[in-house]
C-alpha atoms as a PDB file:
ATOM      1  CA  MET A   1      48.024  40.139 104.027  1.00  0.00           C
ATOM      2  CA  GLY A   2      49.569  37.362 105.715  1.00  0.00           C
ATOM      3  CA  ILE A   3      50.032  36.123 109.307  1.00  0.00           C
ATOM      4  CA  SER A   4      52.699  34.918 111.542  1.00  0.00           C
ATOM      5  CA  CYS A   5      52.187  32.983 114.397  1.00  0.00           C
ATOM      6  CA  GLY A   6      54.179  31.609 118.170  1.00  0.00           C
ATOM      7  CA  ILE A   7      52.858  29.350 120.421  1.00  0.00           C
ATOM      8  CA  ASP A   8      55.082  27.973 123.799  1.00  0.00           C
ATOM      9  CA  ILE A   9      54.408  25.963 126.994  1.00  0.00           C
ATOM     10  CA  ILE A  10      56.140  25.673 130.082  1.00  0.00           C
ATOM     11  CA  GLU A  11      56.440  24.108 133.245  1.00  0.00           C
ATOM     12  CA  VAL A  12      56.057  26.557 136.091  1.00  0.00           C
ATOM     13  CA  ASP A  13      57.943  24.456 138.158  1.00  0.00           C
ATOM     14  CA  ARG A  14      61.037  24.673 135.472  1.00  0.00           C
ATOM     15  CA  ILE A  15      60.970  28.607 136.156  1.00  0.00           C
ATOM     16  CA  ARG A  16      60.533  28.724 139.619  1.00  0.00           C
ATOM     17  CA  GLY A  17      63.319  26.012 139.653  1.00  0.00           C
ATOM     18  CA  ALA A  18      65.380  28.329 137.664  1.00  0.00           C
ATOM     19  CA  MET A  19      64.795  31.416 139.731  1.00  0.00           C
ATOM     20  CA  GLU A  20      65.412  29.179 143.094  1.00  0.00           C
ATOM     21  CA  LYS A  21      68.252  28.312 141.938  1.00  0.00           C
ATOM     22  CA  ARG A  22      69.672  30.980 140.173  1.00  0.00           C
ATOM     23  CA  GLY A  23      68.146  34.214 141.694  1.00  0.00           C
ATOM     24  CA  GLN A  24      68.030  37.941 141.008  1.00  0.00           C
ATOM     25  CA  ALA A  25      70.559  36.968 138.302  1.00  0.00           C
ATOM     26  CA  PHE A  26      68.044  34.569 136.290  1.00  0.00           C
ATOM     27  CA  LYS A  27      65.107  37.504 137.019  1.00  0.00           C
ATOM     28  CA  GLU A  28      67.381  40.460 135.566  1.00  0.00           C
ATOM     29  CA  ARG A  29      68.459  38.400 132.588  1.00  0.00           C
ATOM     30  CA  VAL A  30      65.019  37.262 131.279  1.00  0.00           C
ATOM     31  CA  PHE A  31      62.734  39.779 132.748  1.00  0.00           C
ATOM     32  CA  THR A  32      62.562  43.563 132.600  1.00  0.00           C
ATOM     33  CA  GLU A  33      61.962  45.599 135.297  1.00  0.00           C
ATOM     34  CA  ASN A  34      58.422  46.221 134.908  1.00  0.00           C
ATOM     35  CA  GLU A  35      57.841  42.274 134.663  1.00  0.00           C
ATOM     36  CA  ILE A  36      59.208  41.480 138.025  1.00  0.00           C
ATOM     37  CA  ILE A  37      57.610  44.450 139.504  1.00  0.00           C
ATOM     38  CA  TYR A  38      54.003  42.996 137.823  1.00  0.00           C
ATOM     39  CA  CYS A  39      54.982  39.542 138.854  1.00  0.00           C
ATOM     40  CA  GLU A  40      55.906  40.182 142.286  1.00  0.00           C
ATOM     41  CA  MET A  41      52.637  41.580 142.880  1.00  0.00           C
ATOM     42  CA  LYS A  42      50.519  38.593 142.142  1.00  0.00           C
ATOM     43  CA  LYS A  43      52.379  37.486 145.164  1.00  0.00           C
ATOM     44  CA  ALA A  44      50.863  33.393 145.321  1.00  0.00           C
ATOM     45  CA  SER A  45      51.100  33.121 141.831  1.00  0.00           C
ATOM     46  CA  LYS A  46      54.031  34.863 140.699  1.00  0.00           C
ATOM     47  CA  TYR A  47      55.797  31.926 139.493  1.00  0.00           C
ATOM     48  CA  HIS A  48      52.697  31.298 136.916  1.00  0.00           C
ATOM     49  CA  SER A  49      52.843  35.093 136.119  1.00  0.00           C
ATOM     50  CA  TYR A  50      56.606  34.812 135.280  1.00  0.00           C
ATOM     51  CA  ALA A  51      56.185  31.476 133.135  1.00  0.00           C
ATOM     52  CA  ALA A  52      53.499  32.963 131.191  1.00  0.00           C
ATOM     53  CA  ARG A  53      56.182  35.806 130.367  1.00  0.00           C
ATOM     54  CA  PHE A  54      58.654  33.649 129.572  1.00  0.00           C
ATOM     55  CA  ALA A  55      56.432  31.573 127.275  1.00  0.00           C
ATOM     56  CA  ALA A  56      55.087  34.650 125.681  1.00  0.00           C
ATOM     57  CA  LYS A  57      58.974  35.664 124.880  1.00  0.00           C
ATOM     58  CA  GLU A  58      59.601  32.197 123.046  1.00  0.00           C
ATOM     59  CA  ALA A  59      56.060  32.947 121.200  1.00  0.00           C
ATOM     60  CA  VAL A  60      56.939  36.477 120.371  1.00  0.00           C
ATOM     61  CA  SER A  61      60.365  35.506 119.006  1.00  0.00           C
ATOM     62  CA  LYS A  62      59.429  32.096 116.923  1.00  0.00           C
ATOM     63  CA  ALA A  63      56.347  34.527 115.175  1.00  0.00           C
ATOM     64  CA  LEU A  64      59.043  36.844 114.767  1.00  0.00           C
ATOM     65  CA  GLY A  65      61.270  33.761 113.095  1.00  0.00           C
ATOM     66  CA  THR A  66      64.570  34.559 115.268  1.00  0.00           C
ATOM     67  CA  GLY A  67      63.992  32.096 118.399  1.00  0.00           C
ATOM     68  CA  ILE A  68      65.842  33.803 121.232  1.00  0.00           C
ATOM     69  CA  GLY A  69      69.514  33.975 121.257  1.00  0.00           C
ATOM     70  CA  ARG A  70      69.183  33.890 117.241  1.00  0.00           C
ATOM     71  CA  GLY A  71      68.966  37.982 117.029  1.00  0.00           C
ATOM     72  CA  VAL A  72      66.694  38.452 119.417  1.00  0.00           C
ATOM     73  CA  ASP A  73      67.577  39.317 123.309  1.00  0.00           C
ATOM     74  CA  TRP A  74      65.029  38.323 126.325  1.00  0.00           C
ATOM     75  CA  LYS A  75      64.846  41.851 127.417  1.00  0.00           C
ATOM     76  CA  ASP A  76      63.868  42.748 123.755  1.00  0.00           C
ATOM     77  CA  ILE A  77      60.389  41.274 124.071  1.00  0.00           C
ATOM     78  CA  GLU A  78      58.478  43.181 126.989  1.00  0.00           C
ATOM     79  CA  VAL A  79      55.216  41.576 128.184  1.00  0.00           C
ATOM     80  CA  LEU A  80      52.851  44.136 129.703  1.00  0.00           C
ATOM     81  CA  ASN A  81      49.291  44.025 130.386  1.00  0.00           C
ATOM     82  CA  ASP A  82      46.342  47.087 129.870  1.00  0.00           C
ATOM     83  CA  ASP A  83      43.831  48.590 131.922  1.00  0.00           C
ATOM     84  CA  TYR A  84      41.654  45.448 131.419  1.00  0.00           C
ATOM     85  CA  GLU A  85      44.511  42.700 132.383  1.00  0.00           C
ATOM     86  CA  LYS A  86      44.905  42.312 128.680  1.00  0.00           C
ATOM     87  CA  PRO A  87      48.605  41.161 127.602  1.00  0.00           C
ATOM     88  CA  PHE A  88      50.556  42.977 124.944  1.00  0.00           C
ATOM     89  CA  ALA A  89      54.234  42.671 124.012  1.00  0.00           C
ATOM     90  CA  VAL A  90      56.689  45.510 123.745  1.00  0.00           C
ATOM     91  CA  LEU A  91      59.500  45.010 121.239  1.00  0.00           C
ATOM     92  CA  THR A  92      62.671  47.323 121.604  1.00  0.00           C
ATOM     93  CA  GLY A  93      65.993  46.459 119.951  1.00  0.00           C
ATOM     94  CA  SER A  94      66.680  43.544 117.764  1.00  0.00           C
ATOM     95  CA  ALA A  95      62.797  42.558 118.232  1.00  0.00           C
ATOM     96  CA  ASN A  96      61.494  45.603 117.035  1.00  0.00           C
ATOM     97  CA  ASP A  97      63.894  45.806 113.917  1.00  0.00           C
ATOM     98  CA  TYR A  98      62.654  42.461 112.975  1.00  0.00           C
ATOM     99  CA  TYR A  99      58.976  42.769 113.446  1.00  0.00           C
ATOM    100  CA  ASN A 100      59.633  45.893 111.118  1.00  0.00           C
ATOM    101  CA  SER A 101      61.453  43.994 108.764  1.00  0.00           C
ATOM    102  CA  MET A 102      58.049  42.102 108.063  1.00  0.00           C
ATOM    103  CA  LYS A 103      56.403  45.210 107.661  1.00  0.00           C
ATOM    104  CA  ALA A 104      53.913  43.918 110.784  1.00  0.00           C
ATOM    105  CA  LYS A 105      50.914  45.867 111.522  1.00  0.00           C
ATOM    106  CA  SER A 106      49.780  44.222 114.330  1.00  0.00           C
ATOM    107  CA  MET A 107      50.898  41.956 116.755  1.00  0.00           C
ATOM    108  CA  SER A 108      47.738  39.798 119.351  1.00  0.00           C
ATOM    109  CA  LEU A 109      49.109  37.775 122.368  1.00  0.00           C
ATOM    110  CA  SER A 110      47.299  35.620 124.660  1.00  0.00           C
ATOM    111  CA  LEU A 111      48.778  33.838 127.906  1.00  0.00           C
ATOM    112  CA  SER A 112      46.993  31.110 130.146  1.00  0.00           C
ATOM    113  CA  HIS A 113      48.081  29.134 132.828  1.00  0.00           C
ATOM    114  CA  CYS A 114      47.177  26.454 135.369  1.00  0.00           C
ATOM    115  CA  LYS A 115      48.798  24.768 137.984  1.00  0.00           C
ATOM    116  CA  ASN A 116      51.470  23.233 136.157  1.00  0.00           C
ATOM    117  CA  TYR A 117      51.652  24.929 133.188  1.00  0.00           C
ATOM    118  CA  ALA A 118      51.786  28.061 131.406  1.00  0.00           C
ATOM    119  CA  VAL A 119      51.374  28.773 127.631  1.00  0.00           C
ATOM    120  CA  ALA A 120      51.087  31.961 125.052  1.00  0.00           C
ATOM    121  CA  GLN A 121      50.504  32.300 121.634  1.00  0.00           C
ATOM    122  CA  VAL A 122      51.289  35.050 119.544  1.00  0.00           C
ATOM    123  CA  VAL A 123      49.895  36.277 115.745  1.00  0.00           C
ATOM    124  CA  ILE A 124      51.215  39.001 113.913  1.00  0.00           C
ATOM    125  CA  GLU A 125      49.828  40.526 111.265  1.00  0.00           C
ATOM    126  CA  THR A 126      51.837  41.221 108.420  1.00  0.00           C
END
């Protein structure tokens, strides 16, 4: 058994700025339809939710050993929540291929945010 982990932190205002500058194009390039629906439902804290998902995608790609843009696309990693609001990642495309090539058994994802920052950590058991 082994583990592979990834972590990422981002300023919430960086995501807010990108969304205000590039609008829907930025959202559609980085986030899936389900992620956009979830974040937009958060109203006042939507930028925190977007930032946490952005950080999660980065953290997952680091745990996979690729990073974003080096074989894994933003939308290959979708961050959803279960019925208890626990986040989890759904991998498709190249992200899923890398995950399977690692002989991964499970993945655990944790998200957090405060006024200025969002952070994500992922651990993949192999």
